[in-house]
């Protein structure tokens, strides 16, 4: 147990602080906190009270030094009437639910924006798909035309090759015949 002399403080907190499940609710919408502890612990408690968990939202935080109450020796929670405690709990749940609902509502509008953006991508994709189909169609037509031309060229080259082969054979035969005649003529001359 701490040997430091207790100090005390009264804190008034305004903002969204009622029906959030903490401390004593006042008629003006604020809450009152009386706390008493050794100075180090009191400072820690005050710092934690300045940053409460949701759904509480603090607008103003007033601390006033108070007189310690020597008869207070232990921490004690004083509960109100059951109706007040239930109302307090349901109020806290409602507050948290509303925060989630608002946050979800923000995401819904963000989702709508994404959905619209997606629709524009789908529309753009359809345009590209049509362009691609046209490109594929033109490419097929071009390949068909190339294949037809290739067929024609191939036929002409085959004809030319056959002609060259035939003419080459005929030329060879003529040369052989000419060589034979030349040889015979040379033999006759040498006799």
C-alpha atoms as a PDB file:
ATOM      1  CA  UNK A   1       0.000   0.000   0.000  1.00  0.00           C
ATOM      2  CA  UNK A   2       1.231   3.502  -0.851  1.00  0.00           C
ATOM      3  CA  UNK A   3       2.542   5.729   1.934  1.00  0.00           C
ATOM      4  CA  UNK A   4       1.769   8.928   0.017  1.00  0.00           C
ATOM      5  CA  UNK A   5      -0.876  11.193   1.507  1.00  0.00           C
ATOM      6  CA  UNK A   6      -4.151  10.982  -0.473  1.00  0.00           C
ATOM      7  CA  UNK A   7      -5.262  13.865  -2.647  1.00  0.00           C
ATOM      8  CA  UNK A   8      -8.733  14.377  -4.076  1.00  0.00           C
ATOM      9  CA  UNK A   9     -10.284  15.901  -7.186  1.00  0.00           C
ATOM     10  CA  UNK A  10     -13.738  16.530  -8.524  1.00  0.00           C
ATOM     11  CA  UNK A  11     -14.003  16.240 -12.268  1.00  0.00           C
ATOM     12  CA  UNK A  12     -16.854  17.460 -14.454  1.00  0.00           C
ATOM     13  CA  UNK A  13     -16.980  16.077 -17.950  1.00  0.00           C
ATOM     14  CA  UNK A  14     -19.282  17.334 -20.714  1.00  0.00           C
ATOM     15  CA  UNK A  15     -19.879  16.008 -24.196  1.00  0.00           C
ATOM     16  CA  UNK A  16     -21.461  12.701 -25.143  1.00  0.00           C
ATOM     17  CA  UNK A  17     -20.887  11.322 -21.683  1.00  0.00           C
ATOM     18  CA  UNK A  18     -24.292  10.218 -20.417  1.00  0.00           C
ATOM     19  CA  UNK A  19     -25.706   6.807 -21.206  1.00  0.00           C
ATOM     20  CA  UNK A  20     -22.258   5.557 -22.075  1.00  0.00           C
ATOM     21  CA  UNK A  21     -21.956   3.293 -19.064  1.00  0.00           C
ATOM     22  CA  UNK A  22     -19.662   5.325 -16.795  1.00  0.00           C
ATOM     23  CA  UNK A  23     -19.816   7.487 -13.616  1.00  0.00           C
ATOM     24  CA  UNK A  24     -22.715   9.605 -12.217  1.00  0.00           C
ATOM     25  CA  UNK A  25     -25.070  11.385 -14.589  1.00  0.00           C
ATOM     26  CA  UNK A  26     -26.061  14.958 -13.748  1.00  0.00           C
ATOM     27  CA  UNK A  27     -29.265  16.741 -14.803  1.00  0.00           C
ATOM     28  CA  UNK A  28     -27.352  19.150 -17.106  1.00  0.00           C
ATOM     29  CA  UNK A  29     -26.022  16.243 -19.235  1.00  0.00           C
ATOM     30  CA  UNK A  30     -22.575  16.185 -17.630  1.00  0.00           C
ATOM     31  CA  UNK A  31     -21.127  13.550 -15.354  1.00  0.00           C
ATOM     32  CA  UNK A  32     -19.400  14.005 -12.000  1.00  0.00           C
ATOM     33  CA  UNK A  33     -16.443  12.013 -10.830  1.00  0.00           C
ATOM     34  CA  UNK A  34     -15.071  12.210  -7.287  1.00  0.00           C
ATOM     35  CA  UNK A  35     -11.771  10.442  -6.931  1.00  0.00           C
ATOM     36  CA  UNK A  36      -9.299  10.146  -4.128  1.00  0.00           C
ATOM     37  CA  UNK A  37      -5.936   8.384  -4.239  1.00  0.00           C
ATOM     38  CA  UNK A  38      -2.226   8.937  -3.734  1.00  0.00           C
ATOM     39  CA  UNK A  39      -0.965  11.634  -6.193  1.00  0.00           C
ATOM     40  CA  UNK A  40       0.665   9.205  -8.677  1.00  0.00           C
ATOM     41  CA  UNK A  41      -2.411   7.016  -8.927  1.00  0.00           C
ATOM     42  CA  UNK A  42      -4.727  10.060  -9.041  1.00  0.00           C
ATOM     43  CA  UNK A  43      -2.740  11.480 -12.012  1.00  0.00           C
ATOM     44  CA  UNK A  44      -2.993   8.119 -13.812  1.00  0.00           C
ATOM     45  CA  UNK A  45      -6.750   7.948 -13.178  1.00  0.00           C
ATOM     46  CA  UNK A  46      -7.242  11.508 -14.490  1.00  0.00           C
ATOM     47  CA  UNK A  47      -5.230  10.723 -17.658  1.00  0.00           C
ATOM     48  CA  UNK A  48      -7.323   7.617 -18.283  1.00  0.00           C
ATOM     49  CA  UNK A  49     -10.543   9.587 -17.671  1.00  0.00           C
ATOM     50  CA  UNK A  50      -9.455  12.137 -20.318  1.00  0.00           C
ATOM     51  CA  UNK A  51      -9.404   9.355 -22.934  1.00  0.00           C
ATOM     52  CA  UNK A  52     -12.496   7.233 -22.272  1.00  0.00           C
ATOM     53  CA  UNK A  53     -13.466   4.316 -24.496  1.00  0.00           C
ATOM     54  CA  UNK A  54     -16.327   4.657 -27.014  1.00  0.00           C
ATOM     55  CA  UNK A  55     -19.051   5.719 -27.133  1.00  0.00           C
ATOM     56  CA  UNK A  56     -18.029   8.584 -24.779  1.00  0.00           C
ATOM     57  CA  UNK A  57     -16.846  11.774 -26.500  1.00  0.00           C
ATOM     58  CA  UNK A  58     -15.457  14.540 -24.303  1.00  0.00           C
ATOM     59  CA  UNK A  59     -15.990  18.207 -25.171  1.00  0.00           C
ATOM     60  CA  UNK A  60     -14.866  19.706 -21.886  1.00  0.00           C
ATOM     61  CA  UNK A  61     -12.904  18.276 -18.970  1.00  0.00           C
ATOM     62  CA  UNK A  62     -12.729  20.335 -15.751  1.00  0.00           C
ATOM     63  CA  UNK A  63     -10.653  19.300 -12.766  1.00  0.00           C
ATOM     64  CA  UNK A  64     -11.051  21.005  -9.377  1.00  0.00           C
ATOM     65  CA  UNK A  65      -8.980  20.181  -6.360  1.00  0.00           C
ATOM     66  CA  UNK A  66     -11.192  18.808  -3.604  1.00  0.00           C
ATOM     67  CA  UNK A  67     -10.757  17.946   0.056  1.00  0.00           C
ATOM     68  CA  UNK A  68      -9.845  14.357   0.754  1.00  0.00           C
ATOM     69  CA  UNK A  69     -12.488  12.395   2.644  1.00  0.00           C
ATOM     70  CA  UNK A  70     -10.633  10.475   5.332  1.00  0.00           C
ATOM     71  CA  UNK A  71     -13.531   8.067   5.825  1.00  0.00           C
ATOM     72  CA  UNK A  72     -13.143   6.813   2.233  1.00  0.00           C
ATOM     73  CA  UNK A  73     -10.736   3.889   2.478  1.00  0.00           C
ATOM     74  CA  UNK A  74     -11.841   1.637  -0.410  1.00  0.00           C
ATOM     75  CA  UNK A  75     -13.117   1.936  -3.981  1.00  0.00           C
ATOM     76  CA  UNK A  76     -16.824   1.449  -4.137  1.00  0.00           C
ATOM     77  CA  UNK A  77     -19.329   1.415  -6.965  1.00  0.00           C
ATOM     78  CA  UNK A  78     -22.716   2.772  -6.049  1.00  0.00           C
ATOM     79  CA  UNK A  79     -25.347   1.453  -8.367  1.00  0.00           C
ATOM     80  CA  UNK A  80     -28.513   3.369  -9.087  1.00  0.00           C
ATOM     81  CA  UNK A  81     -31.977   1.924  -9.402  1.00  0.00           C
ATOM     82  CA  UNK A  82     -32.204  -1.083 -11.714  1.00  0.00           C
ATOM     83  CA  UNK A  83     -34.214   0.961 -14.256  1.00  0.00           C
ATOM     84  CA  UNK A  84     -31.491   3.609 -14.354  1.00  0.00           C
ATOM     85  CA  UNK A  85     -28.716   1.044 -14.690  1.00  0.00           C
ATOM     86  CA  UNK A  86     -30.570  -0.756 -17.515  1.00  0.00           C
ATOM     87  CA  UNK A  87     -31.299   2.527 -19.228  1.00  0.00           C
ATOM     88  CA  UNK A  88     -27.626   3.430 -18.885  1.00  0.00           C
ATOM     89  CA  UNK A  89     -26.525   0.115 -20.422  1.00  0.00           C
ATOM     90  CA  UNK A  90     -29.056   0.249 -23.257  1.00  0.00           C
ATOM     91  CA  UNK A  91     -28.106   3.875 -23.900  1.00  0.00           C
ATOM     92  CA  UNK A  92     -24.471   2.864 -24.222  1.00  0.00           C
ATOM     93  CA  UNK A  93     -25.364   0.013 -26.600  1.00  0.00           C
ATOM     94  CA  UNK A  94     -27.560   2.347 -28.654  1.00  0.00           C
ATOM     95  CA  UNK A  95     -24.754   4.901 -28.870  1.00  0.00           C
ATOM     96  CA  UNK A  96     -22.248   2.317 -30.023  1.00  0.00           C
ATOM     97  CA  UNK A  97     -24.743   0.837 -32.505  1.00  0.00           C
ATOM     98  CA  UNK A  98     -25.413   4.291 -33.960  1.00  0.00           C
ATOM     99  CA  UNK A  99     -21.669   4.894 -34.355  1.00  0.00           C
ATOM    100  CA  UNK A 100     -21.332   1.603 -36.219  1.00  0.00           C
ATOM    101  CA  UNK A 101     -24.378   2.409 -38.322  1.00  0.00           C
ATOM    102  CA  UNK A 102     -22.912   5.816 -39.288  1.00  0.00           C
ATOM    103  CA  UNK A 103     -19.583   4.197 -40.094  1.00  0.00           C
ATOM    104  CA  UNK A 104     -21.347   1.531 -42.160  1.00  0.00           C
ATOM    105  CA  UNK A 105     -23.325   4.261 -43.909  1.00  0.00           C
ATOM    106  CA  UNK A 106     -20.033   5.907 -44.905  1.00  0.00           C
ATOM    107  CA  UNK A 107     -18.806   2.591 -46.292  1.00  0.00           C
ATOM    108  CA  UNK A 108     -22.088   2.134 -48.183  1.00  0.00           C
ATOM    109  CA  UNK A 109     -21.580   5.410 -50.005  1.00  0.00           C
ATOM    110  CA  UNK A 110     -17.941   4.474 -50.631  1.00  0.00           C
ATOM    111  CA  UNK A 111     -19.153   1.105 -51.952  1.00  0.00           C
ATOM    112  CA  UNK A 112     -21.580   2.916 -54.278  1.00  0.00           C
ATOM    113  CA  UNK A 113     -18.657   4.955 -55.618  1.00  0.00           C
ATOM    114  CA  UNK A 114     -16.647   1.762 -56.202  1.00  0.00           C
ATOM    115  CA  UNK A 115     -19.666   0.143 -57.838  1.00  0.00           C
ATOM    116  CA  UNK A 116     -20.001   3.104 -60.231  1.00  0.00           C
ATOM    117  CA  UNK A 117     -16.287   2.984 -60.954  1.00  0.00           C
ATOM    118  CA  UNK A 118     -16.570  -0.774 -61.585  1.00  0.00           C
ATOM    119  CA  UNK A 119     -19.477  -0.173 -63.962  1.00  0.00           C
ATOM    120  CA  UNK A 120     -17.360   2.295 -65.913  1.00  0.00           C
ATOM    121  CA  UNK A 121     -14.573  -0.319 -66.074  1.00  0.00           C
ATOM    122  CA  UNK A 122     -17.086  -2.899 -67.317  1.00  0.00           C
ATOM    123  CA  UNK A 123     -18.281  -0.458 -69.965  1.00  0.00           C
ATOM    124  CA  UNK A 124     -14.692   0.340 -70.938  1.00  0.00           C
ATOM    125  CA  UNK A 125     -13.900  -3.390 -71.032  1.00  0.00           C
ATOM    126  CA  UNK A 126     -16.841  -3.983 -73.363  1.00  0.00           C
ATOM    127  CA  UNK A 127     -15.424  -1.318 -75.661  1.00  0.00           C
ATOM    128  CA  UNK A 128     -12.020  -2.992 -75.621  1.00  0.00           C
ATOM    129  CA  UNK A 129     -13.641  -6.374 -76.193  1.00  0.00           C
ATOM    130  CA  UNK A 130     -15.396  -5.030 -79.295  1.00  0.00           C
ATOM    131  CA  UNK A 131     -12.136  -3.489 -80.516  1.00  0.00           C
ATOM    132  CA  UNK A 132     -10.378  -6.816 -79.978  1.00  0.00           C
ATOM    133  CA  UNK A 133     -13.090  -8.686 -81.869  1.00  0.00           C
ATOM    134  CA  UNK A 134     -12.706  -6.269 -84.776  1.00  0.00           C
ATOM    135  CA  UNK A 135      -8.924  -6.660 -84.655  1.00  0.00           C
ATOM    136  CA  UNK A 136      -9.231 -10.467 -84.577  1.00  0.00           C
ATOM    137  CA  UNK A 137     -11.660 -10.366 -87.517  1.00  0.00           C
ATOM    138  CA  UNK A 138      -9.346  -8.121 -89.559  1.00  0.00           C
ATOM    139  CA  UNK A 139      -6.365 -10.322 -88.653  1.00  0.00           C
ATOM    140  CA  UNK A 140      -8.239 -13.457 -89.777  1.00  0.00           C
ATOM    141  CA  UNK A 141      -9.177 -11.754 -93.045  1.00  0.00           C
ATOM    142  CA  UNK A 142      -5.579 -10.628 -93.580  1.00  0.00           C
ATOM    143  CA  UNK A 143      -4.262 -14.143 -92.929  1.00  0.00           C
ATOM    144  CA  UNK A 144      -6.789 -15.585 -95.368  1.00  0.00           C
ATOM    145  CA  UNK A 145      -5.689 -13.060 -97.994  1.00  0.00           C
ATOM    146  CA  UNK A 146      -2.016 -13.861 -97.297  1.00  0.00           C
ATOM    147  CA  UNK A 147      -2.707 -17.604 -97.577  1.00  0.00           C
ATOM    148  CA  UNK A 148      -4.515 -17.080-100.877  1.00  0.00           C
ATOM    149  CA  UNK A 149      -1.606 -14.981-102.201  1.00  0.00           C
ATOM    150  CA  UNK A 150       0.849 -17.562-100.842  1.00  0.00           C
ATOM    151  CA  UNK A 151      -1.065 -20.271-102.689  1.00  0.00           C
ATOM    152  CA  UNK A 152      -0.950 -18.251-105.925  1.00  0.00           C
ATOM    153  CA  UNK A 153       2.744 -17.455-105.468  1.00  0.00           C
ATOM    154  CA  UNK A 154       3.475 -21.087-104.621  1.00  0.00           C
ATOM    155  CA  UNK A 155       1.714 -22.251-107.779  1.00  0.00           C
ATOM    156  CA  UNK A 156       3.617 -19.719-109.904  1.00  0.00           C
ATOM    157  CA  UNK A 157       6.928 -20.669-108.294  1.00  0.00           C
ATOM    158  CA  UNK A 158       6.164 -24.355-108.905  1.00  0.00           C
ATOM    159  CA  UNK A 159       5.401 -23.579-112.559  1.00  0.00           C
ATOM    160  CA  UNK A 160       8.610 -21.519-112.868  1.00  0.00           C
ATOM    161  CA  UNK A 161      10.659 -24.265-111.196  1.00  0.00           C
ATOM    162  CA  UNK A 162       9.148 -26.923-113.448  1.00  0.00           C
ATOM    163  CA  UNK A 163       9.801 -24.720-116.488  1.00  0.00           C
ATOM    164  CA  UNK A 164      13.395 -24.050-115.406  1.00  0.00           C
ATOM    165  CA  UNK A 165      13.962 -27.737-114.710  1.00  0.00           C
ATOM    166  CA  UNK A 166      12.504 -28.707-118.102  1.00  0.00           C
ATOM    167  CA  UNK A 167      14.403 -25.992-119.947  1.00  0.00           C
ATOM    168  CA  UNK A 168      17.585 -26.874-118.047  1.00  0.00           C
ATOM    169  CA  UNK A 169      17.216 -30.506-119.121  1.00  0.00           C
ATOM    170  CA  UNK A 170      16.543 -29.443-122.728  1.00  0.00           C
ATOM    171  CA  UNK A 171      19.536 -27.061-122.594  1.00  0.00           C
ATOM    172  CA  UNK A 172      21.735 -29.849-121.217  1.00  0.00           C
ATOM    173  CA  UNK A 173      20.536 -32.164-123.965  1.00  0.00           C
ATOM    174  CA  UNK A 174      21.225 -29.461-126.566  1.00  0.00           C
ATOM    175  CA  UNK A 175      24.688 -28.857-125.104  1.00  0.00           C
ATOM    176  CA  UNK A 176      25.401 -32.580-125.076  1.00  0.00           C
ATOM    177  CA  UNK A 177      24.238 -32.824-128.681  1.00  0.00           C
ATOM    178  CA  UNK A 178      26.313 -29.759-129.598  1.00  0.00           C
ATOM    179  CA  UNK A 179      29.374 -31.219-127.838  1.00  0.00           C
ATOM    180  CA  UNK A 180      28.853 -34.494-129.619  1.00  0.00           C
ATOM    181  CA  UNK A 181      28.621 -32.731-132.994  1.00  0.00           C
ATOM    182  CA  UNK A 182      31.651 -30.600-132.168  1.00  0.00           C
ATOM    183  CA  UNK A 183      33.644 -33.689-131.210  1.00  0.00           C
ATOM    184  CA  UNK A 184      32.677 -35.418-134.447  1.00  0.00           C
ATOM    185  CA  UNK A 185      33.620 -32.290-136.425  1.00  0.00           C
ATOM    186  CA  UNK A 186      37.019 -32.122-134.727  1.00  0.00           C
ATOM    187  CA  UNK A 187      37.655 -35.802-135.430  1.00  0.00           C
ATOM    188  CA  UNK A 188      36.853 -35.300-139.099  1.00  0.00           C
ATOM    189  CA  UNK A 189      39.123 -32.334-139.340  1.00  0.00           C
ATOM    190  CA  UNK A 190      42.018 -34.142-137.743  1.00  0.00           C
ATOM    191  CA  UNK A 191      41.836 -36.993-140.308  1.00  0.00           C
END
